[in-house]
Structures are given as C-alpha cells and as structure tokens.
C-alpha cells in the first residue's frame, strides 16, 4: 500500500509541482506516521513540497522521533517556522479590519484584548465575539460604527487561562436547545451532516435511558434553525451538500467537555453509532464510504456501553 501511495504521489508530481499540506500532525496515529516517514524520510519525491503543522505543546514521543529523523535526513531541505502569538500591534490591525475603524480608534480595546488573551489569534476572536454576546460591543445605527465602553469591558471580563474555558462560557449562554445540539454535534465529530444530526436527535428521543432525558428539550426542535443560530454565533460553519464543521477543534472540545464525562458521552456515542449502523444497513451498496468509517468510530468510542445495547 505504501508503494502504491508513493507511485501516486510521484505520478501527480511529474505533471506539476505538488504541495501536500497536512495539518495537526500531533494527532497522527502510528500507522499514518509510518506512511509519512516512508515518503518524506525513506524516499525522495522530486517536485513535491510537504507542509506539516503541529502544536509543539502536544508532541508525542513517536512524533518527536519522526521530526528528529526528518532533521537528520532532510536537514538541508527542511525549514521550521514557529508561529507565535500575535503582538498587540497585530491584534489592533485585526480589530481595525473587523470593526472597520481606524487603528487609533481600536488601540485601547486592542491593548485590553491582547492582555486578556496573550495574543492567541483564535482566543482573541472568540473574546471579541463574547463581548458582542454580552452586549459589551454593539453596533450604533445612528453613527454606523461599532462602539464599546472600555471600562465596562474591563470590569465585566477577566483573564481566562485558556480558550476552551472562554468558549464553554459562550456555549453556556446559548439557548438550551442550541447547547444540546452543539453537544450532540461534538459527539458526531468535527464535521457533521444536517440530516445525520436530525436523525440522531429523533433516534435518541425514542430511548428511555436516563442519559437521554437530558435532551428532552429537543423534542420538536428545528435542527436547521438551531444550526443557523450556531453559525451566527461563529461556532460552526457550513461547507457544502449539507455538511457543517466546527470553526476550530477547541470549539468542539469545549462543547464535548460540557457533557458529563464518561457515562453520558459513552451512551451518546453508542446511540449515534447504532443509528449510523441502521442507516448503513438500510442504504446497503448505496451508502457512502464515510458512513462506514463514522459508524465504526462511534461504536469504538462506545465500547464500554456497547455490549448491553447490542
């Protein structure tokens, strides 16, 4: 299989320069890492550039060994680029662009946001959206400008240790049905389809388990309308053909962490997996490939509660 993949890459690269971008390799499993090693360390493919990104705070020993091997064998062709946090000036430029105001008009707010978020780009945008959620940042229809009271912002906010806590706070302020939908979506995965989420809601509402009682407020809910609300809040975004995704893995992490760890999470994965399995069987040969992988993934995550359910 590795050799077939190598031939595929070489063939594509023979027609034009091939740029392969692999994001978040800190989560790469050993099998995938072995494949990466094969065509980036063991072999050389001309006319191909490989760009990999990872969080240096989450590097596992296997990835560290791979990176060391890359440095040893490809050091002359390897370039490391460290992306640090934004400076206060960069945060101000971002605010000026978002709010369509002059730099001097946003500088005070930029200083506060930079201090609260330490310059983390995603953290800063979530903090800005939280100000809007709390009506601390409002659009004035008479002046056609975004306005804020800096002292109110300073008094009403504090330094959060991480972006997950900030996002959890934003999710807690959502209507109850929106909180439940985004929690279910987080269980389904980083990408999810509207019809699957609708089917999962209907499926779990037929269950009599205690864990499902938490989702009773979803009875009769318009899933499409709730997803639109979540998009308005900047927590998810639509892609195509009914698919949605979380705007950042930290949003999915925050949504998932709001579920009771252990039993509730396992039970929901079990119910999602059973629903997907039923859907897979009903579609037969017409089922799309992703459905099989999604079904297995959910049932694997539900291993602790799977046996009684079957």
C-alpha atoms as a PDB file:
ATOM      1  CA  UNK A   1       0.000   0.000   0.000  1.00  0.00           C
ATOM      2  CA  UNK A   2       2.837   2.389   0.849  1.00  0.00           C
ATOM      3  CA  UNK A   3       4.448   1.778  -2.530  1.00  0.00           C
ATOM      4  CA  UNK A   4       1.148   2.401  -4.328  1.00  0.00           C
ATOM      5  CA  UNK A   5       0.775   5.691  -2.475  1.00  0.00           C
ATOM      6  CA  UNK A   6       4.348   6.586  -3.412  1.00  0.00           C
ATOM      7  CA  UNK A   7       3.636   5.883  -7.088  1.00  0.00           C
ATOM      8  CA  UNK A   8       0.505   8.054  -6.908  1.00  0.00           C
ATOM      9  CA  UNK A   9       2.458  10.997  -5.447  1.00  0.00           C
ATOM     10  CA  UNK A  10       5.279  10.598  -7.973  1.00  0.00           C
ATOM     11  CA  UNK A  11       2.805  10.480 -10.852  1.00  0.00           C
ATOM     12  CA  UNK A  12       0.965  13.630  -9.763  1.00  0.00           C
ATOM     13  CA  UNK A  13       4.262  15.454  -9.081  1.00  0.00           C
ATOM     14  CA  UNK A  14       5.528  14.550 -12.568  1.00  0.00           C
ATOM     15  CA  UNK A  15       2.868  16.796 -14.144  1.00  0.00           C
ATOM     16  CA  UNK A  16       3.152  19.837 -11.868  1.00  0.00           C
ATOM     17  CA  UNK A  17       4.643  20.863  -8.539  1.00  0.00           C
ATOM     18  CA  UNK A  18       2.741  19.058  -5.813  1.00  0.00           C
ATOM     19  CA  UNK A  19       2.153  20.792  -2.463  1.00  0.00           C
ATOM     20  CA  UNK A  20       0.947  18.451   0.275  1.00  0.00           C
ATOM     21  CA  UNK A  21      -0.418  20.200   3.383  1.00  0.00           C
ATOM     22  CA  UNK A  22      -1.001  18.064   6.478  1.00  0.00           C
ATOM     23  CA  UNK A  23      -2.473  19.883   9.471  1.00  0.00           C
ATOM     24  CA  UNK A  24      -2.380  18.904  13.165  1.00  0.00           C
ATOM     25  CA  UNK A  25       0.123  16.059  12.852  1.00  0.00           C
ATOM     26  CA  UNK A  26       0.364  15.989  16.656  1.00  0.00           C
ATOM     27  CA  UNK A  27      -2.687  13.703  16.470  1.00  0.00           C
ATOM     28  CA  UNK A  28      -1.207  11.349  13.865  1.00  0.00           C
ATOM     29  CA  UNK A  29      -1.509   7.655  14.718  1.00  0.00           C
ATOM     30  CA  UNK A  30       1.496   5.339  14.379  1.00  0.00           C
ATOM     31  CA  UNK A  31       0.318   3.833  11.079  1.00  0.00           C
ATOM     32  CA  UNK A  32      -0.126   7.222   9.431  1.00  0.00           C
ATOM     33  CA  UNK A  33       3.179   8.395  10.856  1.00  0.00           C
ATOM     34  CA  UNK A  34       4.845   5.348   9.327  1.00  0.00           C
ATOM     35  CA  UNK A  35       3.376   6.298   5.937  1.00  0.00           C
ATOM     36  CA  UNK A  36       4.612   9.868   6.358  1.00  0.00           C
ATOM     37  CA  UNK A  37       8.081   8.594   7.217  1.00  0.00           C
ATOM     38  CA  UNK A  38       8.114   6.414   4.096  1.00  0.00           C
ATOM     39  CA  UNK A  39       7.663   9.197   1.557  1.00  0.00           C
ATOM     40  CA  UNK A  40       9.365  12.042   3.448  1.00  0.00           C
ATOM     41  CA  UNK A  41      12.366  10.321   5.041  1.00  0.00           C
ATOM     42  CA  UNK A  42      12.947   6.957   3.354  1.00  0.00           C
ATOM     43  CA  UNK A  43      12.141   8.132  -0.176  1.00  0.00           C
ATOM     44  CA  UNK A  44      12.599  11.327  -2.151  1.00  0.00           C
ATOM     45  CA  UNK A  45       9.895  12.657  -4.446  1.00  0.00           C
ATOM     46  CA  UNK A  46      11.093  15.399  -6.740  1.00  0.00           C
ATOM     47  CA  UNK A  47       8.868  18.364  -7.460  1.00  0.00           C
ATOM     48  CA  UNK A  48       6.925  17.937  -4.221  1.00  0.00           C
ATOM     49  CA  UNK A  49       6.720  20.206  -1.160  1.00  0.00           C
ATOM     50  CA  UNK A  50       5.336  18.861   2.107  1.00  0.00           C
ATOM     51  CA  UNK A  51       3.995  21.336   4.680  1.00  0.00           C
ATOM     52  CA  UNK A  52       3.119  19.962   8.104  1.00  0.00           C
ATOM     53  CA  UNK A  53       1.755  21.848  11.094  1.00  0.00           C
ATOM     54  CA  UNK A  54       1.569  20.817  14.728  1.00  0.00           C
ATOM     55  CA  UNK A  55       1.244  22.226  18.224  1.00  0.00           C
ATOM     56  CA  UNK A  56       4.626  21.992  19.870  1.00  0.00           C
ATOM     57  CA  UNK A  57       2.961  21.681  23.269  1.00  0.00           C
ATOM     58  CA  UNK A  58       1.248  18.409  22.265  1.00  0.00           C
ATOM     59  CA  UNK A  59       4.093  16.469  20.617  1.00  0.00           C
ATOM     60  CA  UNK A  60       4.146  12.756  21.485  1.00  0.00           C
ATOM     61  CA  UNK A  61       7.396  10.727  21.616  1.00  0.00           C
ATOM     62  CA  UNK A  62       6.651   8.996  18.293  1.00  0.00           C
ATOM     63  CA  UNK A  63       6.186  12.337  16.543  1.00  0.00           C
ATOM     64  CA  UNK A  64       9.297  13.767  18.202  1.00  0.00           C
ATOM     65  CA  UNK A  65      11.314  10.809  16.852  1.00  0.00           C
ATOM     66  CA  UNK A  66       9.879  11.368  13.368  1.00  0.00           C
ATOM     67  CA  UNK A  67      10.761  15.067  13.446  1.00  0.00           C
ATOM     68  CA  UNK A  68      14.296  14.215  14.539  1.00  0.00           C
ATOM     69  CA  UNK A  69      14.605  11.758  11.637  1.00  0.00           C
ATOM     70  CA  UNK A  70      13.392  14.442   9.231  1.00  0.00           C
ATOM     71  CA  UNK A  71      16.038  16.810  10.569  1.00  0.00           C
ATOM     72  CA  UNK A  72      18.766  14.179  10.246  1.00  0.00           C
ATOM     73  CA  UNK A  73      17.942  13.006   6.731  1.00  0.00           C
ATOM     74  CA  UNK A  74      16.434  16.121   5.168  1.00  0.00           C
ATOM     75  CA  UNK A  75      18.034  18.909   7.181  1.00  0.00           C
ATOM     76  CA  UNK A  76      19.289  20.728   4.100  1.00  0.00           C
ATOM     77  CA  UNK A  77      15.750  20.853   2.680  1.00  0.00           C
ATOM     78  CA  UNK A  78      13.883  21.340   5.941  1.00  0.00           C
ATOM     79  CA  UNK A  79      12.651  24.696   7.187  1.00  0.00           C
ATOM     80  CA  UNK A  80      10.962  25.169  10.545  1.00  0.00           C
ATOM     81  CA  UNK A  81       8.676  28.150  11.017  1.00  0.00           C
ATOM     82  CA  UNK A  82       7.491  28.952  14.520  1.00  0.00           C
ATOM     83  CA  UNK A  83       4.151  30.754  14.618  1.00  0.00           C
ATOM     84  CA  UNK A  84       3.974  32.648  17.881  1.00  0.00           C
ATOM     85  CA  UNK A  85       1.191  34.711  19.379  1.00  0.00           C
ATOM     86  CA  UNK A  86       0.071  37.995  17.892  1.00  0.00           C
ATOM     87  CA  UNK A  87       1.672  41.207  19.044  1.00  0.00           C
ATOM     88  CA  UNK A  88      -0.505  43.981  20.403  1.00  0.00           C
ATOM     89  CA  UNK A  89       0.015  45.843  17.115  1.00  0.00           C
ATOM     90  CA  UNK A  90      -1.218  42.818  15.143  1.00  0.00           C
ATOM     91  CA  UNK A  91      -4.282  42.494  17.377  1.00  0.00           C
ATOM     92  CA  UNK A  92      -5.003  46.163  16.759  1.00  0.00           C
ATOM     93  CA  UNK A  93      -4.730  45.666  12.995  1.00  0.00           C
ATOM     94  CA  UNK A  94      -7.121  42.716  13.255  1.00  0.00           C
ATOM     95  CA  UNK A  95      -9.636  44.768  15.267  1.00  0.00           C
ATOM     96  CA  UNK A  96      -9.341  47.682  12.879  1.00  0.00           C
ATOM     97  CA  UNK A  97     -10.133  45.332   9.999  1.00  0.00           C
ATOM     98  CA  UNK A  98     -13.006  43.534  11.748  1.00  0.00           C
ATOM     99  CA  UNK A  99     -14.687  46.682  13.065  1.00  0.00           C
ATOM    100  CA  UNK A 100     -13.834  48.869  10.066  1.00  0.00           C
ATOM    101  CA  UNK A 101     -12.346  51.572  12.279  1.00  0.00           C
ATOM    102  CA  UNK A 102      -9.044  53.442  12.261  1.00  0.00           C
ATOM    103  CA  UNK A 103      -6.128  51.993  14.182  1.00  0.00           C
ATOM    104  CA  UNK A 104      -6.151  54.825  16.681  1.00  0.00           C
ATOM    105  CA  UNK A 105      -9.820  54.141  17.409  1.00  0.00           C
ATOM    106  CA  UNK A 106      -9.255  50.485  18.310  1.00  0.00           C
ATOM    107  CA  UNK A 107      -5.879  50.721  20.054  1.00  0.00           C
ATOM    108  CA  UNK A 108      -7.261  50.850  23.634  1.00  0.00           C
ATOM    109  CA  UNK A 109      -9.524  47.844  23.062  1.00  0.00           C
ATOM    110  CA  UNK A 110      -6.673  46.003  21.337  1.00  0.00           C
ATOM    111  CA  UNK A 111      -4.458  46.549  24.369  1.00  0.00           C
ATOM    112  CA  UNK A 112      -7.112  45.074  26.660  1.00  0.00           C
ATOM    113  CA  UNK A 113      -7.832  42.075  24.393  1.00  0.00           C
ATOM    114  CA  UNK A 114      -4.126  41.357  23.978  1.00  0.00           C
ATOM    115  CA  UNK A 115      -3.721  41.400  27.747  1.00  0.00           C
ATOM    116  CA  UNK A 116      -6.705  39.089  28.269  1.00  0.00           C
ATOM    117  CA  UNK A 117      -5.765  36.573  25.548  1.00  0.00           C
ATOM    118  CA  UNK A 118      -1.949  36.844  25.491  1.00  0.00           C
ATOM    119  CA  UNK A 119      -2.152  37.351  21.737  1.00  0.00           C
ATOM    120  CA  UNK A 120      -3.609  33.945  20.837  1.00  0.00           C
ATOM    121  CA  UNK A 121      -5.334  34.633  17.498  1.00  0.00           C
ATOM    122  CA  UNK A 122      -8.318  32.291  17.917  1.00  0.00           C
ATOM    123  CA  UNK A 123      -8.624  33.253  21.571  1.00  0.00           C
ATOM    124  CA  UNK A 124      -8.752  36.931  20.569  1.00  0.00           C
ATOM    125  CA  UNK A 125     -11.533  36.417  18.005  1.00  0.00           C
ATOM    126  CA  UNK A 126     -13.572  34.364  20.495  1.00  0.00           C
ATOM    127  CA  UNK A 127     -13.073  37.034  23.144  1.00  0.00           C
ATOM    128  CA  UNK A 128     -14.299  39.667  20.689  1.00  0.00           C
ATOM    129  CA  UNK A 129     -17.387  37.589  19.914  1.00  0.00           C
ATOM    130  CA  UNK A 130     -18.029  37.111  23.624  1.00  0.00           C
ATOM    131  CA  UNK A 131     -18.122  40.904  24.001  1.00  0.00           C
ATOM    132  CA  UNK A 132     -20.820  41.038  21.368  1.00  0.00           C
ATOM    133  CA  UNK A 133     -22.726  38.187  23.083  1.00  0.00           C
ATOM    134  CA  UNK A 134     -22.760  40.234  26.307  1.00  0.00           C
ATOM    135  CA  UNK A 135     -23.722  43.490  24.526  1.00  0.00           C
ATOM    136  CA  UNK A 136     -20.383  44.993  25.523  1.00  0.00           C
ATOM    137  CA  UNK A 137     -19.652  45.525  21.831  1.00  0.00           C
ATOM    138  CA  UNK A 138     -22.583  46.952  19.882  1.00  0.00           C
ATOM    139  CA  UNK A 139     -23.234  48.478  16.500  1.00  0.00           C
ATOM    140  CA  UNK A 140     -24.635  52.005  16.659  1.00  0.00           C
ATOM    141  CA  UNK A 141     -27.142  52.551  13.861  1.00  0.00           C
ATOM    142  CA  UNK A 142     -27.005  56.341  14.219  1.00  0.00           C
ATOM    143  CA  UNK A 143     -23.238  56.642  13.742  1.00  0.00           C
ATOM    144  CA  UNK A 144     -22.846  53.408  11.731  1.00  0.00           C
ATOM    145  CA  UNK A 145     -19.941  52.394  13.943  1.00  0.00           C
ATOM    146  CA  UNK A 146     -19.098  49.662  16.422  1.00  0.00           C
ATOM    147  CA  UNK A 147     -18.963  51.084  19.946  1.00  0.00           C
ATOM    148  CA  UNK A 148     -17.907  49.910  23.400  1.00  0.00           C
ATOM    149  CA  UNK A 149     -17.325  51.241  26.882  1.00  0.00           C
ATOM    150  CA  UNK A 150     -13.752  50.270  27.736  1.00  0.00           C
ATOM    151  CA  UNK A 151     -14.304  50.454  31.498  1.00  0.00           C
ATOM    152  CA  UNK A 152     -17.401  48.243  31.264  1.00  0.00           C
ATOM    153  CA  UNK A 153     -15.421  45.739  29.209  1.00  0.00           C
ATOM    154  CA  UNK A 154     -12.587  45.822  31.718  1.00  0.00           C
ATOM    155  CA  UNK A 155     -14.928  45.328  34.686  1.00  0.00           C
ATOM    156  CA  UNK A 156     -17.039  42.626  33.022  1.00  0.00           C
ATOM    157  CA  UNK A 157     -14.221  40.424  31.756  1.00  0.00           C
ATOM    158  CA  UNK A 158     -11.209  38.721  33.248  1.00  0.00           C
ATOM    159  CA  UNK A 159      -8.184  36.804  32.092  1.00  0.00           C
ATOM    160  CA  UNK A 160      -9.143  33.252  31.073  1.00  0.00           C
ATOM    161  CA  UNK A 161      -6.482  30.599  31.410  1.00  0.00           C
ATOM    162  CA  UNK A 162      -7.393  29.032  28.061  1.00  0.00           C
ATOM    163  CA  UNK A 163      -9.694  29.456  25.111  1.00  0.00           C
ATOM    164  CA  UNK A 164     -11.711  26.333  25.972  1.00  0.00           C
ATOM    165  CA  UNK A 165     -12.982  27.971  29.175  1.00  0.00           C
ATOM    166  CA  UNK A 166     -13.959  31.076  27.223  1.00  0.00           C
ATOM    167  CA  UNK A 167     -15.813  29.067  24.573  1.00  0.00           C
ATOM    168  CA  UNK A 168     -17.544  26.999  27.267  1.00  0.00           C
ATOM    169  CA  UNK A 169     -18.791  30.244  28.762  1.00  0.00           C
ATOM    170  CA  UNK A 170     -20.175  31.327  25.388  1.00  0.00           C
ATOM    171  CA  UNK A 171     -21.893  27.958  24.906  1.00  0.00           C
ATOM    172  CA  UNK A 172     -23.404  28.132  28.411  1.00  0.00           C
ATOM    173  CA  UNK A 173     -25.100  31.384  27.396  1.00  0.00           C
ATOM    174  CA  UNK A 174     -26.792  29.784  24.387  1.00  0.00           C
ATOM    175  CA  UNK A 175     -30.476  28.770  24.470  1.00  0.00           C
ATOM    176  CA  UNK A 176     -30.861  25.267  25.948  1.00  0.00           C
ATOM    177  CA  UNK A 177     -31.738  23.599  22.621  1.00  0.00           C
ATOM    178  CA  UNK A 178     -28.685  25.164  20.961  1.00  0.00           C
ATOM    179  CA  UNK A 179     -26.440  23.891  23.784  1.00  0.00           C
ATOM    180  CA  UNK A 180     -27.773  20.356  23.350  1.00  0.00           C
ATOM    181  CA  UNK A 181     -27.436  20.404  19.567  1.00  0.00           C
ATOM    182  CA  UNK A 182     -23.824  21.576  19.648  1.00  0.00           C
ATOM    183  CA  UNK A 183     -23.042  18.916  22.281  1.00  0.00           C
ATOM    184  CA  UNK A 184     -24.527  16.217  20.047  1.00  0.00           C
ATOM    185  CA  UNK A 185     -22.652  17.629  17.063  1.00  0.00           C
ATOM    186  CA  UNK A 186     -19.408  17.440  19.057  1.00  0.00           C
ATOM    187  CA  UNK A 187     -20.103  13.746  19.685  1.00  0.00           C
ATOM    188  CA  UNK A 188     -20.738  13.135  15.983  1.00  0.00           C
ATOM    189  CA  UNK A 189     -17.385  14.676  15.026  1.00  0.00           C
ATOM    190  CA  UNK A 190     -15.539  17.727  13.785  1.00  0.00           C
ATOM    191  CA  UNK A 191     -17.592  17.527  10.563  1.00  0.00           C
ATOM    192  CA  UNK A 192     -21.249  16.519  10.548  1.00  0.00           C
ATOM    193  CA  UNK A 193     -24.188  16.484   8.169  1.00  0.00           C
ATOM    194  CA  UNK A 194     -27.544  18.125   8.878  1.00  0.00           C
ATOM    195  CA  UNK A 195     -29.642  15.058   8.053  1.00  0.00           C
ATOM    196  CA  UNK A 196     -27.452  12.852  10.256  1.00  0.00           C
ATOM    197  CA  UNK A 197     -27.832  15.235  13.191  1.00  0.00           C
ATOM    198  CA  UNK A 198     -31.598  15.358  12.645  1.00  0.00           C
ATOM    199  CA  UNK A 199     -31.714  11.559  12.564  1.00  0.00           C
ATOM    200  CA  UNK A 200     -29.624  11.271  15.713  1.00  0.00           C
ATOM    201  CA  UNK A 201     -31.969  13.652  17.561  1.00  0.00           C
ATOM    202  CA  UNK A 202     -35.027  11.595  16.558  1.00  0.00           C
ATOM    203  CA  UNK A 203     -33.257   8.361  17.479  1.00  0.00           C
ATOM    204  CA  UNK A 204     -32.158   9.351  20.977  1.00  0.00           C
ATOM    205  CA  UNK A 205     -35.584  10.820  21.802  1.00  0.00           C
ATOM    206  CA  UNK A 206     -37.083   7.340  21.345  1.00  0.00           C
ATOM    207  CA  UNK A 207     -34.740   5.964  24.012  1.00  0.00           C
ATOM    208  CA  UNK A 208     -35.850   5.622  27.619  1.00  0.00           C
ATOM    209  CA  UNK A 209     -32.386   5.789  29.130  1.00  0.00           C
ATOM    210  CA  UNK A 210     -31.703   8.309  31.881  1.00  0.00           C
ATOM    211  CA  UNK A 211     -28.929   9.977  29.865  1.00  0.00           C
ATOM    212  CA  UNK A 212     -31.329  10.748  27.020  1.00  0.00           C
ATOM    213  CA  UNK A 213     -33.630  12.588  29.437  1.00  0.00           C
ATOM    214  CA  UNK A 214     -31.098  15.433  29.331  1.00  0.00           C
ATOM    215  CA  UNK A 215     -32.084  16.023  25.713  1.00  0.00           C
ATOM    216  CA  UNK A 216     -35.862  16.107  26.185  1.00  0.00           C
ATOM    217  CA  UNK A 217     -35.946  19.797  25.201  1.00  0.00           C
ATOM    218  CA  UNK A 218     -35.008  18.776  21.652  1.00  0.00           C
ATOM    219  CA  UNK A 219     -38.430  17.248  21.096  1.00  0.00           C
ATOM    220  CA  UNK A 220     -39.848  19.058  18.060  1.00  0.00           C
ATOM    221  CA  UNK A 221     -36.824  21.322  17.679  1.00  0.00           C
ATOM    222  CA  UNK A 222     -35.928  22.687  14.231  1.00  0.00           C
ATOM    223  CA  UNK A 223     -32.339  21.444  13.869  1.00  0.00           C
ATOM    224  CA  UNK A 224     -31.720  23.549  10.752  1.00  0.00           C
ATOM    225  CA  UNK A 225     -32.742  26.741  12.582  1.00  0.00           C
ATOM    226  CA  UNK A 226     -30.519  25.873  15.558  1.00  0.00           C
ATOM    227  CA  UNK A 227     -27.549  25.240  13.265  1.00  0.00           C
ATOM    228  CA  UNK A 228     -28.149  28.631  11.697  1.00  0.00           C
ATOM    229  CA  UNK A 229     -28.043  30.190  15.169  1.00  0.00           C
ATOM    230  CA  UNK A 230     -24.759  28.429  15.922  1.00  0.00           C
ATOM    231  CA  UNK A 231     -23.347  29.784  12.663  1.00  0.00           C
ATOM    232  CA  UNK A 232     -24.456  33.276  13.677  1.00  0.00           C
ATOM    233  CA  UNK A 233     -22.543  32.838  16.932  1.00  0.00           C
ATOM    234  CA  UNK A 234     -19.464  31.884  14.941  1.00  0.00           C
ATOM    235  CA  UNK A 235     -19.175  28.404  16.494  1.00  0.00           C
ATOM    236  CA  UNK A 236     -19.764  26.322  13.369  1.00  0.00           C
ATOM    237  CA  UNK A 237     -19.755  26.994   9.648  1.00  0.00           C
ATOM    238  CA  UNK A 238     -21.434  25.372   6.667  1.00  0.00           C
ATOM    239  CA  UNK A 239     -19.344  23.754   3.951  1.00  0.00           C
ATOM    240  CA  UNK A 240     -21.322  22.089   1.168  1.00  0.00           C
ATOM    241  CA  UNK A 241     -24.011  19.480   0.496  1.00  0.00           C
ATOM    242  CA  UNK A 242     -25.491  19.809   3.963  1.00  0.00           C
ATOM    243  CA  UNK A 243     -22.183  19.432   5.798  1.00  0.00           C
ATOM    244  CA  UNK A 244     -21.095  21.614   8.707  1.00  0.00           C
ATOM    245  CA  UNK A 245     -17.896  21.816  10.724  1.00  0.00           C
ATOM    246  CA  UNK A 246     -16.692  23.386  13.933  1.00  0.00           C
ATOM    247  CA  UNK A 247     -14.723  26.560  13.259  1.00  0.00           C
ATOM    248  CA  UNK A 248     -11.910  25.239  15.451  1.00  0.00           C
ATOM    249  CA  UNK A 249     -11.135  21.990  17.262  1.00  0.00           C
ATOM    250  CA  UNK A 250     -11.191  23.956  20.543  1.00  0.00           C
ATOM    251  CA  UNK A 251     -14.900  24.719  19.969  1.00  0.00           C
ATOM    252  CA  UNK A 252     -15.635  21.009  19.539  1.00  0.00           C
ATOM    253  CA  UNK A 253     -13.525  20.254  22.614  1.00  0.00           C
ATOM    254  CA  UNK A 254     -15.401  22.828  24.695  1.00  0.00           C
ATOM    255  CA  UNK A 255     -18.799  21.549  23.509  1.00  0.00           C
ATOM    256  CA  UNK A 256     -17.871  17.936  24.231  1.00  0.00           C
ATOM    257  CA  UNK A 257     -16.462  18.732  27.676  1.00  0.00           C
ATOM    258  CA  UNK A 258     -19.813  20.196  28.755  1.00  0.00           C
ATOM    259  CA  UNK A 259     -21.264  16.672  28.642  1.00  0.00           C
ATOM    260  CA  UNK A 260     -20.868  14.559  31.748  1.00  0.00           C
ATOM    261  CA  UNK A 261     -17.574  12.776  31.276  1.00  0.00           C
ATOM    262  CA  UNK A 262     -17.815   9.014  30.976  1.00  0.00           C
ATOM    263  CA  UNK A 263     -21.315   7.566  31.062  1.00  0.00           C
ATOM    264  CA  UNK A 264     -23.187  10.306  29.181  1.00  0.00           C
ATOM    265  CA  UNK A 265     -20.518  10.658  26.495  1.00  0.00           C
ATOM    266  CA  UNK A 266     -20.244   6.867  26.062  1.00  0.00           C
ATOM    267  CA  UNK A 267     -24.020   6.456  25.877  1.00  0.00           C
ATOM    268  CA  UNK A 268     -24.393   9.146  23.239  1.00  0.00           C
ATOM    269  CA  UNK A 269     -21.597   7.624  21.140  1.00  0.00           C
ATOM    270  CA  UNK A 270     -23.419   4.298  21.444  1.00  0.00           C
ATOM    271  CA  UNK A 271     -26.745   5.744  20.291  1.00  0.00           C
ATOM    272  CA  UNK A 272     -25.103   7.652  17.428  1.00  0.00           C
ATOM    273  CA  UNK A 273     -23.267   4.503  16.368  1.00  0.00           C
ATOM    274  CA  UNK A 274     -26.421   2.386  16.465  1.00  0.00           C
ATOM    275  CA  UNK A 275     -28.301   4.984  14.414  1.00  0.00           C
ATOM    276  CA  UNK A 276     -25.488   5.139  11.839  1.00  0.00           C
ATOM    277  CA  UNK A 277     -25.332   1.343  11.708  1.00  0.00           C
ATOM    278  CA  UNK A 278     -29.069   1.172  10.968  1.00  0.00           C
ATOM    279  CA  UNK A 279     -28.660   3.840   8.288  1.00  0.00           C
ATOM    280  CA  UNK A 280     -25.708   1.948   6.808  1.00  0.00           C
ATOM    281  CA  UNK A 281     -27.706  -1.271   6.574  1.00  0.00           C
ATOM    282  CA  UNK A 282     -30.742   0.424   5.051  1.00  0.00           C
ATOM    283  CA  UNK A 283     -28.659   2.081   2.333  1.00  0.00           C
ATOM    284  CA  UNK A 284     -26.745  -1.080   1.519  1.00  0.00           C
ATOM    285  CA  UNK A 285     -24.474  -0.693  -1.508  1.00  0.00           C
ATOM    286  CA  UNK A 286     -25.670   2.905  -1.947  1.00  0.00           C
ATOM    287  CA  UNK A 287     -24.043   4.003   1.320  1.00  0.00           C
ATOM    288  CA  UNK A 288     -21.190   6.491   1.032  1.00  0.00           C
ATOM    289  CA  UNK A 289     -17.771   5.353   2.251  1.00  0.00           C
ATOM    290  CA  UNK A 290     -17.600   7.890   5.091  1.00  0.00           C
ATOM    291  CA  UNK A 291     -20.669   6.336   6.731  1.00  0.00           C
ATOM    292  CA  UNK A 292     -18.897   3.040   7.381  1.00  0.00           C
ATOM    293  CA  UNK A 293     -15.888   4.749   8.966  1.00  0.00           C
ATOM    294  CA  UNK A 294     -18.124   7.047  11.049  1.00  0.00           C
ATOM    295  CA  UNK A 295     -20.159   4.073  12.300  1.00  0.00           C
ATOM    296  CA  UNK A 296     -17.074   2.121  13.374  1.00  0.00           C
ATOM    297  CA  UNK A 297     -15.582   5.220  15.020  1.00  0.00           C
ATOM    298  CA  UNK A 298     -18.717   5.854  17.099  1.00  0.00           C
ATOM    299  CA  UNK A 299     -19.082   2.236  18.177  1.00  0.00           C
ATOM    300  CA  UNK A 300     -15.404   2.109  19.136  1.00  0.00           C
ATOM    301  CA  UNK A 301     -15.863   5.160  21.351  1.00  0.00           C
ATOM    302  CA  UNK A 302     -18.906   3.462  22.932  1.00  0.00           C
ATOM    303  CA  UNK A 303     -17.087   0.211  23.741  1.00  0.00           C
ATOM    304  CA  UNK A 304     -17.933   0.445  27.454  1.00  0.00           C
ATOM    305  CA  UNK A 305     -21.699   0.553  26.835  1.00  0.00           C
ATOM    306  CA  UNK A 306     -21.882  -1.249  23.511  1.00  0.00           C
ATOM    307  CA  UNK A 307     -22.429  -4.839  24.684  1.00  0.00           C
ATOM    308  CA  UNK A 308     -25.682  -4.172  26.627  1.00  0.00           C
ATOM    309  CA  UNK A 309     -27.035  -2.076  23.725  1.00  0.00           C
ATOM    310  CA  UNK A 310     -26.484  -4.898  21.240  1.00  0.00           C
END
